[in-house]
C-alpha atoms as a PDB file:
ATOM      1  CA  MET A   1     -24.689  -7.816   8.446  1.00  0.00           C
ATOM      2  CA  ALA A   2     -25.269  -4.456  10.048  1.00  0.00           C
ATOM      3  CA  GLY A   3     -22.130  -2.488  10.784  1.00  0.00           C
ATOM      4  CA  VAL A   4     -19.770  -4.249   8.386  1.00  0.00           C
ATOM      5  CA  ARG A   5     -19.067  -4.104   4.695  1.00  0.00           C
ATOM      6  CA  ASP A   6     -18.956  -7.404   2.870  1.00  0.00           C
ATOM      7  CA  GLY A   7     -16.953  -7.998  -0.269  1.00  0.00           C
ATOM      8  CA  GLY A   8     -16.301 -10.778  -2.751  1.00  0.00           C
ATOM      9  CA  ARG A   9     -14.218 -13.892  -2.435  1.00  0.00           C
ATOM     10  CA  LEU A  10     -10.442 -13.540  -2.635  1.00  0.00           C
ATOM     11  CA  GLY A  11      -9.707 -12.151  -6.066  1.00  0.00           C
ATOM     12  CA  ASP A  12     -13.215 -10.758  -6.664  1.00  0.00           C
ATOM     13  CA  GLY A  13     -13.940  -7.078  -6.941  1.00  0.00           C
ATOM     14  CA  ASP A  14     -17.560  -7.515  -5.813  1.00  0.00           C
ATOM     15  CA  ASP A  15     -18.676  -5.422  -2.858  1.00  0.00           C
ATOM     16  CA  SER A  16     -21.975  -4.768  -1.175  1.00  0.00           C
ATOM     17  CA  GLY A  17     -23.073  -1.447   0.296  1.00  0.00           C
ATOM     18  CA  ARG A  18     -21.502   0.329   3.213  1.00  0.00           C
ATOM     19  CA  ALA A  19     -23.076   0.016   6.632  1.00  0.00           C
ATOM     20  CA  THR A  20     -22.832   2.495   9.457  1.00  0.00           C
ATOM     21  CA  VAL A  21     -19.879   2.107  11.816  1.00  0.00           C
ATOM     22  CA  ARG A  22     -20.520   2.870  15.442  1.00  0.00           C
ATOM     23  CA  SER A  23     -17.837   3.765  17.934  1.00  0.00           C
ATOM     24  CA  SER A  24     -17.363   2.165  21.318  1.00  0.00           C
ATOM     25  CA  PRO A  25     -15.063   3.159  24.169  1.00  0.00           C
ATOM     26  CA  PRO A  26     -11.789   1.294  24.587  1.00  0.00           C
ATOM     27  CA  ALA A  27     -12.255  -2.307  25.642  1.00  0.00           C
ATOM     28  CA  ALA A  28     -10.842  -3.353  28.972  1.00  0.00           C
ATOM     29  CA  SER A  29      -9.023  -6.516  28.000  1.00  0.00           C
ATOM     30  CA  GLY A  30      -5.661  -8.183  28.046  1.00  0.00           C
ATOM     31  CA  THR A  31      -4.757  -7.635  24.388  1.00  0.00           C
ATOM     32  CA  SER A  32      -6.355  -4.321  23.614  1.00  0.00           C
ATOM     33  CA  THR A  33      -2.988  -2.644  23.996  1.00  0.00           C
ATOM     34  CA  ASP A  34      -0.425  -2.628  21.232  1.00  0.00           C
ATOM     35  CA  ASP A  35       3.303  -3.045  20.810  1.00  0.00           C
ATOM     36  CA  GLY A  36       5.813  -0.139  20.364  1.00  0.00           C
ATOM     37  CA  LYS A  37       9.420   1.171  20.463  1.00  0.00           C
ATOM     38  CA  GLU A  38      11.430   3.215  22.942  1.00  0.00           C
ATOM     39  CA  PRO A  39      12.101   6.891  22.128  1.00  0.00           C
ATOM     40  CA  GLY A  40      15.430   7.605  20.533  1.00  0.00           C
ATOM     41  CA  ALA A  41      16.028   3.986  19.593  1.00  0.00           C
ATOM     42  CA  SER A  42      18.026   3.011  16.526  1.00  0.00           C
ATOM     43  CA  PRO A  43      16.490   3.473  13.070  1.00  0.00           C
ATOM     44  CA  THR A  44      13.823   1.018  12.053  1.00  0.00           C
ATOM     45  CA  PRO A  45      15.352  -2.078  10.429  1.00  0.00           C
ATOM     46  CA  ALA A  46      13.921  -2.728   6.997  1.00  0.00           C
ATOM     47  CA  PRO A  47      11.303  -5.471   7.253  1.00  0.00           C
ATOM     48  CA  LYS A  48      12.044  -8.618   5.321  1.00  0.00           C
ATOM     49  CA  PRO A  49      10.411  -8.259   1.901  1.00  0.00           C
ATOM     50  CA  SER A  50       8.081 -10.878   0.553  1.00  0.00           C
ATOM     51  CA  ALA A  51       8.960 -13.101  -2.357  1.00  0.00           C
ATOM     52  CA  PRO A  52       8.993 -11.374  -5.738  1.00  0.00           C
ATOM     53  CA  ALA A  53       5.437 -10.285  -6.451  1.00  0.00           C
ATOM     54  CA  ALA A  54       3.522 -12.558  -8.768  1.00  0.00           C
ATOM     55  CA  SER A  55       1.386 -11.288 -11.571  1.00  0.00           C
ATOM     56  CA  GLY A  56      -2.096 -10.697 -10.239  1.00  0.00           C
ATOM     57  CA  PRO A  57      -4.757  -8.136  -9.372  1.00  0.00           C
ATOM     58  CA  LEU A  58      -2.692  -6.741  -6.490  1.00  0.00           C
ATOM     59  CA  LYS A  59       0.548  -6.320  -8.426  1.00  0.00           C
ATOM     60  CA  GLY A  60       2.105  -3.009  -7.371  1.00  0.00           C
ATOM     61  CA  LYS A  61       0.235  -2.943  -4.056  1.00  0.00           C
ATOM     62  CA  VAL A  62       2.066  -3.094  -0.715  1.00  0.00           C
ATOM     63  CA  VAL A  63       0.455  -4.769   2.288  1.00  0.00           C
ATOM     64  CA  VAL A  64       2.034  -4.713   5.736  1.00  0.00           C
ATOM     65  CA  ILE A  65       0.915  -7.369   8.206  1.00  0.00           C
ATOM     66  CA  ASP A  66       1.631  -6.637  11.854  1.00  0.00           C
ATOM     67  CA  PRO A  67       1.646  -9.833  13.957  1.00  0.00           C
ATOM     68  CA  GLY A  68       0.814  -8.561  17.438  1.00  0.00           C
ATOM     69  CA  HIS A  69       3.337  -8.956  20.273  1.00  0.00           C
ATOM     70  CA  ASN A  70       6.371 -11.264  19.969  1.00  0.00           C
ATOM     71  CA  PRO A  71       6.937 -14.807  21.292  1.00  0.00           C
ATOM     72  CA  ASN A  72      10.096 -13.575  23.063  1.00  0.00           C
ATOM     73  CA  ASN A  73       8.596 -10.541  24.812  1.00  0.00           C
ATOM     74  CA  PHE A  74       8.256 -12.348  28.140  1.00  0.00           C
ATOM     75  CA  GLN A  75      12.052 -12.603  28.307  1.00  0.00           C
ATOM     76  CA  HIS A  76      12.459  -8.827  27.926  1.00  0.00           C
ATOM     77  CA  THR A  77      10.071  -7.287  30.432  1.00  0.00           C
ATOM     78  CA  SER A  78      12.231  -4.258  31.193  1.00  0.00           C
ATOM     79  CA  GLU A  79      12.532  -3.388  27.505  1.00  0.00           C
ATOM     80  CA  ILE A  80       8.856  -3.787  26.679  1.00  0.00           C
ATOM     81  CA  ASN A  81       7.776  -1.856  29.786  1.00  0.00           C
ATOM     82  CA  ARG A  82       9.624   1.291  28.714  1.00  0.00           C
ATOM     83  CA  LYS A  83       7.239   4.054  27.722  1.00  0.00           C
ATOM     84  CA  VAL A  84       6.907   5.430  24.195  1.00  0.00           C
ATOM     85  CA  ASN A  85       5.119   8.530  22.973  1.00  0.00           C
ATOM     86  CA  ILE A  86       1.967   7.730  20.996  1.00  0.00           C
ATOM     87  CA  GLY A  87       0.994  11.347  20.393  1.00  0.00           C
ATOM     88  CA  THR A  88      -1.879  11.523  22.861  1.00  0.00           C
ATOM     89  CA  ASN A  89       0.106  10.122  25.804  1.00  0.00           C
ATOM     90  CA  TRP A  90       2.819   7.632  26.737  1.00  0.00           C
ATOM     91  CA  LYS A  91       2.341   3.868  26.748  1.00  0.00           C
ATOM     92  CA  GLU A  92       4.391   0.736  27.250  1.00  0.00           C
ATOM     93  CA  CYS A  93       6.574  -0.229  24.325  1.00  0.00           C
ATOM     94  CA  ASP A  94       4.808  -3.579  24.054  1.00  0.00           C
ATOM     95  CA  THR A  95       3.112  -6.308  26.076  1.00  0.00           C
ATOM     96  CA  THR A  96       3.464 -10.066  26.170  1.00  0.00           C
ATOM     97  CA  GLY A  97      -0.073 -10.570  24.910  1.00  0.00           C
ATOM     98  CA  THR A  98      -2.452 -13.167  26.258  1.00  0.00           C
ATOM     99  CA  SER A  99      -2.857 -16.932  25.855  1.00  0.00           C
ATOM    100  CA  THR A 100      -5.472 -19.638  26.072  1.00  0.00           C
ATOM    101  CA  ASN A 101      -5.962 -21.355  29.408  1.00  0.00           C
ATOM    102  CA  ASP A 102      -3.953 -24.256  27.969  1.00  0.00           C
ATOM    103  CA  GLY A 103      -1.006 -21.982  27.180  1.00  0.00           C
ATOM    104  CA  TYR A 104      -1.319 -21.301  23.446  1.00  0.00           C
ATOM    105  CA  ALA A 105       0.218 -17.831  23.173  1.00  0.00           C
ATOM    106  CA  GLU A 106      -1.360 -14.963  21.305  1.00  0.00           C
ATOM    107  CA  ALA A 107       2.059 -14.157  19.823  1.00  0.00           C
ATOM    108  CA  LYS A 108       2.199 -17.615  18.222  1.00  0.00           C
ATOM    109  CA  PHE A 109      -1.336 -17.235  16.919  1.00  0.00           C
ATOM    110  CA  THR A 110      -0.614 -13.867  15.327  1.00  0.00           C
ATOM    111  CA  LEU A 111       2.489 -15.115  13.526  1.00  0.00           C
ATOM    112  CA  ASP A 112       0.676 -18.193  12.243  1.00  0.00           C
ATOM    113  CA  VAL A 113      -2.178 -16.149  10.788  1.00  0.00           C
ATOM    114  CA  ALA A 114       0.272 -13.593   9.366  1.00  0.00           C
ATOM    115  CA  HIS A 115       2.210 -16.308   7.530  1.00  0.00           C
ATOM    116  CA  ARG A 116      -1.001 -17.711   6.048  1.00  0.00           C
ATOM    117  CA  MET A 117      -2.087 -14.233   4.960  1.00  0.00           C
ATOM    118  CA  ARG A 118       1.274 -13.549   3.346  1.00  0.00           C
ATOM    119  CA  THR A 119       0.935 -16.664   1.204  1.00  0.00           C
ATOM    120  CA  LEU A 120      -2.597 -15.762   0.118  1.00  0.00           C
ATOM    121  CA  LEU A 121      -1.819 -12.139  -0.687  1.00  0.00           C
ATOM    122  CA  GLU A 122       1.402 -12.897  -2.546  1.00  0.00           C
ATOM    123  CA  LYS A 123      -0.596 -15.211  -4.798  1.00  0.00           C
ATOM    124  CA  GLN A 124      -2.694 -12.158  -5.669  1.00  0.00           C
ATOM    125  CA  GLY A 125       0.452 -10.260  -6.685  1.00  0.00           C
ATOM    126  CA  ALA A 126       0.873  -8.076  -3.592  1.00  0.00           C
ATOM    127  CA  THR A 127       4.204  -7.205  -2.032  1.00  0.00           C
ATOM    128  CA  VAL A 128       3.803  -8.280   1.592  1.00  0.00           C
ATOM    129  CA  LYS A 129       5.929  -7.198   4.546  1.00  0.00           C
ATOM    130  CA  LEU A 130       5.731  -8.304   8.171  1.00  0.00           C
ATOM    131  CA  THR A 131       6.646  -5.991  11.033  1.00  0.00           C
ATOM    132  CA  GLN A 132       8.257  -8.951  12.788  1.00  0.00           C
ATOM    133  CA  ASP A 133       8.676 -12.629  12.047  1.00  0.00           C
ATOM    134  CA  GLY A 134       9.680 -13.991  15.445  1.00  0.00           C
ATOM    135  CA  ASP A 135      13.240 -13.034  14.530  1.00  0.00           C
ATOM    136  CA  ARG A 136      13.700 -10.189  17.027  1.00  0.00           C
ATOM    137  CA  PRO A 137      14.486 -10.394  20.743  1.00  0.00           C
ATOM    138  CA  TYR A 138      11.337  -8.377  21.520  1.00  0.00           C
ATOM    139  CA  GLY A 139       8.844  -6.021  19.919  1.00  0.00           C
ATOM    140  CA  PRO A 140       8.991  -4.065  17.741  1.00  0.00           C
ATOM    141  CA  CYS A 141       7.250  -1.438  19.776  1.00  0.00           C
ATOM    142  CA  VAL A 142       4.192   0.548  18.801  1.00  0.00           C
ATOM    143  CA  ASP A 143       5.866   3.513  17.222  1.00  0.00           C
ATOM    144  CA  GLU A 144       8.204   1.313  15.216  1.00  0.00           C
ATOM    145  CA  ARG A 145       5.357  -0.908  14.033  1.00  0.00           C
ATOM    146  CA  ALA A 146       3.566   2.183  12.753  1.00  0.00           C
ATOM    147  CA  ARG A 147       6.757   3.513  11.191  1.00  0.00           C
ATOM    148  CA  ILE A 148       7.335   0.263   9.271  1.00  0.00           C
ATOM    149  CA  GLY A 149       3.978   0.637   7.543  1.00  0.00           C
ATOM    150  CA  ASN A 150       4.531   4.335   6.925  1.00  0.00           C
ATOM    151  CA  GLU A 151       8.007   3.900   5.455  1.00  0.00           C
ATOM    152  CA  ALA A 152       6.786   1.048   3.240  1.00  0.00           C
ATOM    153  CA  LYS A 153       4.110   3.436   1.913  1.00  0.00           C
ATOM    154  CA  ALA A 154       1.720   0.575   2.499  1.00  0.00           C
ATOM    155  CA  ASP A 155      -1.612   0.589   0.729  1.00  0.00           C
ATOM    156  CA  ALA A 156      -3.080  -1.269   3.716  1.00  0.00           C
ATOM    157  CA  VAL A 157      -1.865  -2.411   7.131  1.00  0.00           C
ATOM    158  CA  VAL A 158      -3.601  -4.931   9.372  1.00  0.00           C
ATOM    159  CA  SER A 159      -2.440  -5.740  12.895  1.00  0.00           C
ATOM    160  CA  ILE A 160      -3.366  -9.271  13.983  1.00  0.00           C
ATOM    161  CA  HIS A 161      -4.395  -9.992  17.575  1.00  0.00           C
ATOM    162  CA  ALA A 162      -6.545 -12.230  19.766  1.00  0.00           C
ATOM    163  CA  ASP A 163      -8.246 -10.824  22.834  1.00  0.00           C
ATOM    164  CA  GLY A 164      -7.912 -11.732  26.511  1.00  0.00           C
ATOM    165  CA  SER A 165     -11.327 -10.792  27.836  1.00  0.00           C
ATOM    166  CA  GLY A 166     -13.381 -12.668  30.424  1.00  0.00           C
ATOM    167  CA  ALA A 167     -14.683 -16.187  29.901  1.00  0.00           C
ATOM    168  CA  GLY A 168     -18.090 -16.117  28.253  1.00  0.00           C
ATOM    169  CA  ASN A 169     -17.224 -13.134  26.070  1.00  0.00           C
ATOM    170  CA  ARG A 170     -17.074 -14.263  22.464  1.00  0.00           C
ATOM    171  CA  GLY A 171     -16.488 -13.065  18.934  1.00  0.00           C
ATOM    172  CA  PHE A 172     -14.128 -10.908  16.889  1.00  0.00           C
ATOM    173  CA  HIS A 173     -13.859  -7.160  16.526  1.00  0.00           C
ATOM    174  CA  VAL A 174     -11.985  -4.812  14.222  1.00  0.00           C
ATOM    175  CA  ILE A 175     -10.440  -1.698  15.782  1.00  0.00           C
ATOM    176  CA  LEU A 176     -10.522   1.488  13.703  1.00  0.00           C
ATOM    177  CA  PRO A 177      -8.459   4.639  14.298  1.00  0.00           C
ATOM    178  CA  GLY A 178     -10.301   7.625  15.698  1.00  0.00           C
ATOM    179  CA  ALA A 179      -9.500  11.174  14.634  1.00  0.00           C
ATOM    180  CA  VAL A 180      -6.375  12.146  16.582  1.00  0.00           C
ATOM    181  CA  HIS A 181      -4.307  15.308  16.152  1.00  0.00           C
ATOM    182  CA  ALA A 182      -1.818  15.605  19.002  1.00  0.00           C
ATOM    183  CA  GLY A 183       1.965  15.597  19.143  1.00  0.00           C
ATOM    184  CA  ALA A 184       3.336  13.264  16.480  1.00  0.00           C
ATOM    185  CA  ALA A 185      -0.085  11.719  15.899  1.00  0.00           C
ATOM    186  CA  ASP A 186      -2.353  12.904  13.097  1.00  0.00           C
ATOM    187  CA  THR A 187      -4.819  10.310  11.866  1.00  0.00           C
ATOM    188  CA  ARG A 188      -7.262  12.688  10.192  1.00  0.00           C
ATOM    189  CA  ALA A 189      -6.294  11.651   6.666  1.00  0.00           C
ATOM    190  CA  ILE A 190      -6.573   7.915   7.358  1.00  0.00           C
ATOM    191  CA  VAL A 191      -9.793   7.723   9.374  1.00  0.00           C
ATOM    192  CA  ALA A 192     -12.092   7.328   6.355  1.00  0.00           C
ATOM    193  CA  PRO A 193      -9.985   4.831   4.345  1.00  0.00           C
ATOM    194  CA  SER A 194      -9.220   2.845   7.501  1.00  0.00           C
ATOM    195  CA  ARG A 195     -12.949   2.614   8.216  1.00  0.00           C
ATOM    196  CA  ASP A 196     -13.504   1.325   4.687  1.00  0.00           C
ATOM    197  CA  LEU A 197     -10.734  -1.242   5.167  1.00  0.00           C
ATOM    198  CA  GLY A 198     -12.110  -2.299   8.538  1.00  0.00           C
ATOM    199  CA  GLU A 199     -15.662  -2.730   7.285  1.00  0.00           C
ATOM    200  CA  ARG A 200     -14.466  -4.919   4.432  1.00  0.00           C
ATOM    201  CA  VAL A 201     -12.244  -7.025   6.689  1.00  0.00           C
ATOM    202  CA  ALA A 202     -15.076  -7.515   9.173  1.00  0.00           C
ATOM    203  CA  GLY A 203     -17.540  -8.439   6.445  1.00  0.00           C
ATOM    204  CA  ARG A 204     -15.303 -11.054   4.874  1.00  0.00           C
ATOM    205  CA  PHE A 205     -14.212 -12.398   8.270  1.00  0.00           C
ATOM    206  CA  VAL A 206     -17.850 -13.145   9.123  1.00  0.00           C
ATOM    207  CA  ALA A 207     -18.495 -14.698   5.726  1.00  0.00           C
ATOM    208  CA  VAL A 208     -15.449 -16.968   5.670  1.00  0.00           C
ATOM    209  CA  THR A 209     -15.091 -18.011   9.321  1.00  0.00           C
ATOM    210  CA  GLY A 210     -18.743 -17.981  10.327  1.00  0.00           C
ATOM    211  CA  SER A 211     -17.702 -16.249  13.549  1.00  0.00           C
ATOM    212  CA  ALA A 212     -20.066 -13.673  14.986  1.00  0.00           C
ATOM    213  CA  PRO A 213     -18.986 -10.140  15.884  1.00  0.00           C
ATOM    214  CA  SER A 214     -18.031  -9.545  19.495  1.00  0.00           C
ATOM    215  CA  ASP A 215     -20.853  -9.754  22.017  1.00  0.00           C
ATOM    216  CA  TYR A 216     -18.964  -7.597  24.545  1.00  0.00           C
ATOM    217  CA  VAL A 217     -17.722  -4.568  22.542  1.00  0.00           C
ATOM    218  CA  GLY A 218     -18.909  -2.873  19.361  1.00  0.00           C
ATOM    219  CA  ASP A 219     -22.669  -3.142  19.912  1.00  0.00           C
ATOM    220  CA  GLY A 220     -22.848  -6.163  17.624  1.00  0.00           C
ATOM    221  CA  THR A 221     -21.182  -4.409  14.679  1.00  0.00           C
ATOM    222  CA  GLY A 222     -17.754  -6.013  15.057  1.00  0.00           C
ATOM    223  CA  LEU A 223     -16.292  -2.500  14.818  1.00  0.00           C
ATOM    224  CA  VAL A 224     -14.753  -0.378  17.569  1.00  0.00           C
ATOM    225  CA  THR A 225     -13.117   3.048  17.227  1.00  0.00           C
ATOM    226  CA  ARG A 226     -10.203   3.917  19.515  1.00  0.00           C
ATOM    227  CA  LYS A 227      -7.790   6.794  20.033  1.00  0.00           C
ATOM    228  CA  ASP A 228      -5.413   5.193  22.543  1.00  0.00           C
ATOM    229  CA  LEU A 229      -3.410   2.745  20.418  1.00  0.00           C
ATOM    230  CA  GLY A 230      -0.013   3.929  19.240  1.00  0.00           C
ATOM    231  CA  GLY A 231       0.008   1.575  16.282  1.00  0.00           C
ATOM    232  CA  LEU A 232      -3.036   3.419  14.943  1.00  0.00           C
ATOM    233  CA  ASN A 233      -2.336   6.935  16.224  1.00  0.00           C
ATOM    234  CA  LEU A 234       1.078   7.087  14.557  1.00  0.00           C
ATOM    235  CA  SER A 235       0.041   5.534  11.251  1.00  0.00           C
ATOM    236  CA  THR A 236      -0.075   7.685   8.127  1.00  0.00           C
ATOM    237  CA  VAL A 237      -1.481   4.887   5.951  1.00  0.00           C
ATOM    238  CA  PRO A 238      -4.815   3.018   6.181  1.00  0.00           C
ATOM    239  CA  LYS A 239      -4.606   0.643   9.125  1.00  0.00           C
ATOM    240  CA  VAL A 240      -6.820  -1.447  11.402  1.00  0.00           C
ATOM    241  CA  PHE A 241      -6.403  -3.991  14.173  1.00  0.00           C
ATOM    242  CA  ILE A 242      -8.396  -7.212  14.353  1.00  0.00           C
ATOM    243  CA  GLU A 243      -9.005  -9.183  17.540  1.00  0.00           C
ATOM    244  CA  CYS A 244      -9.864 -12.547  15.991  1.00  0.00           C
ATOM    245  CA  GLY A 245     -11.555 -13.968  19.077  1.00  0.00           C
ATOM    246  CA  ASN A 246     -11.256 -14.252  22.843  1.00  0.00           C
ATOM    247  CA  MET A 247      -8.509 -16.621  23.955  1.00  0.00           C
ATOM    248  CA  ARG A 248      -9.943 -16.800  27.473  1.00  0.00           C
ATOM    249  CA  ASP A 249     -13.250 -18.244  26.335  1.00  0.00           C
ATOM    250  CA  SER A 250     -13.158 -22.011  25.838  1.00  0.00           C
ATOM    251  CA  LYS A 251     -15.325 -21.981  22.708  1.00  0.00           C
ATOM    252  CA  ASP A 252     -13.351 -19.217  21.021  1.00  0.00           C
ATOM    253  CA  ALA A 253     -10.102 -20.865  22.147  1.00  0.00           C
ATOM    254  CA  ALA A 254     -11.117 -24.075  20.383  1.00  0.00           C
ATOM    255  CA  LEU A 255     -11.312 -22.093  17.150  1.00  0.00           C
ATOM    256  CA  LEU A 256      -8.145 -20.076  17.665  1.00  0.00           C
ATOM    257  CA  THR A 257      -6.107 -23.241  18.311  1.00  0.00           C
ATOM    258  CA  SER A 258      -7.404 -24.961  15.171  1.00  0.00           C
ATOM    259  CA  GLY A 259      -5.140 -24.753  12.142  1.00  0.00           C
ATOM    260  CA  ALA A 260      -8.120 -25.170   9.824  1.00  0.00           C
ATOM    261  CA  TRP A 261      -9.914 -22.248  11.475  1.00  0.00           C
ATOM    262  CA  ARG A 262      -6.776 -20.080  11.393  1.00  0.00           C
ATOM    263  CA  GLN A 263      -6.637 -20.675   7.647  1.00  0.00           C
ATOM    264  CA  LYS A 264     -10.217 -19.410   7.402  1.00  0.00           C
ATOM    265  CA  ALA A 265      -9.303 -16.389   9.520  1.00  0.00           C
ATOM    266  CA  ALA A 266      -6.360 -15.602   7.247  1.00  0.00           C
ATOM    267  CA  GLN A 267      -8.590 -16.054   4.200  1.00  0.00           C
ATOM    268  CA  GLY A 268     -11.284 -13.753   5.562  1.00  0.00           C
ATOM    269  CA  ILE A 269      -8.873 -10.976   6.512  1.00  0.00           C
ATOM    270  CA  SER A 270      -7.048 -11.282   3.197  1.00  0.00           C
ATOM    271  CA  GLU A 271     -10.287 -11.116   1.226  1.00  0.00           C
ATOM    272  CA  GLY A 272     -11.179  -7.928   3.074  1.00  0.00           C
ATOM    273  CA  ILE A 273      -7.815  -6.432   2.126  1.00  0.00           C
ATOM    274  CA  VAL A 274      -8.244  -7.473  -1.511  1.00  0.00           C
ATOM    275  CA  SER A 275     -11.718  -5.929  -1.601  1.00  0.00           C
ATOM    276  CA  PHE A 276     -10.364  -2.673  -0.151  1.00  0.00           C
ATOM    277  CA  LEU A 277      -7.426  -2.466  -2.540  1.00  0.00           C
ATOM    278  CA  ARG A 278      -9.546  -3.177  -5.595  1.00  0.00           C
ATOM    279  CA  GLY A 279     -12.118  -0.585  -4.548  1.00  0.00           C
END
């Protein structure tokens, strides 16, 4: 598929050639923001480690999964509305995320997929850490989410989301960091490896889920480059976001609310990570 890089099944090292990634301007949607931390807040709590790493092809590798938003954010609007510095400008600490028209919250979706990914990746021998596990009153906020991956010296970080665009807009897209060098943000060293990671995730997501790339951003590539997301701007390790579908479209919502489809989504993302880490 043009614009993405496909890899092998989970555990394979097989990869096809690289395709060209095109950049698109930031999408105007309900979940194209990210989640951060107020300036001067207390030190980042250590994320809960995964189970002891099994023997496998990813033994010694660290993967951080960032489940977007937090199921409790709506109870802490003043906290999540505080602004944090993302290098290029200031943005809200976090948002509540979106939901389907029937009320299935993005924050529940992201945690569910993250848990499934953790299980799959641990079986491959990776050490897996989550930025949050529904165990915090809100957040963490964008700068803290980035810091968790940085301090873990993660080999790969993926932030899980689902979009809140208009009805009729369908498909997934992977968000790549643009080259940013401002304030505390300097993504220049991670742009290329993050692009590689994103292409592999997009390729395997298509292959495993059968979902098409977004028909409303990314020019059909499933890839979008942005410079306005703190979770990317402040990262010093390879990192991408994935919007797994559009919660406000009834057809995408039917997939996002299906446990069987969420397992496929977790499998596809995980296979992309495995492909990236095995090179």
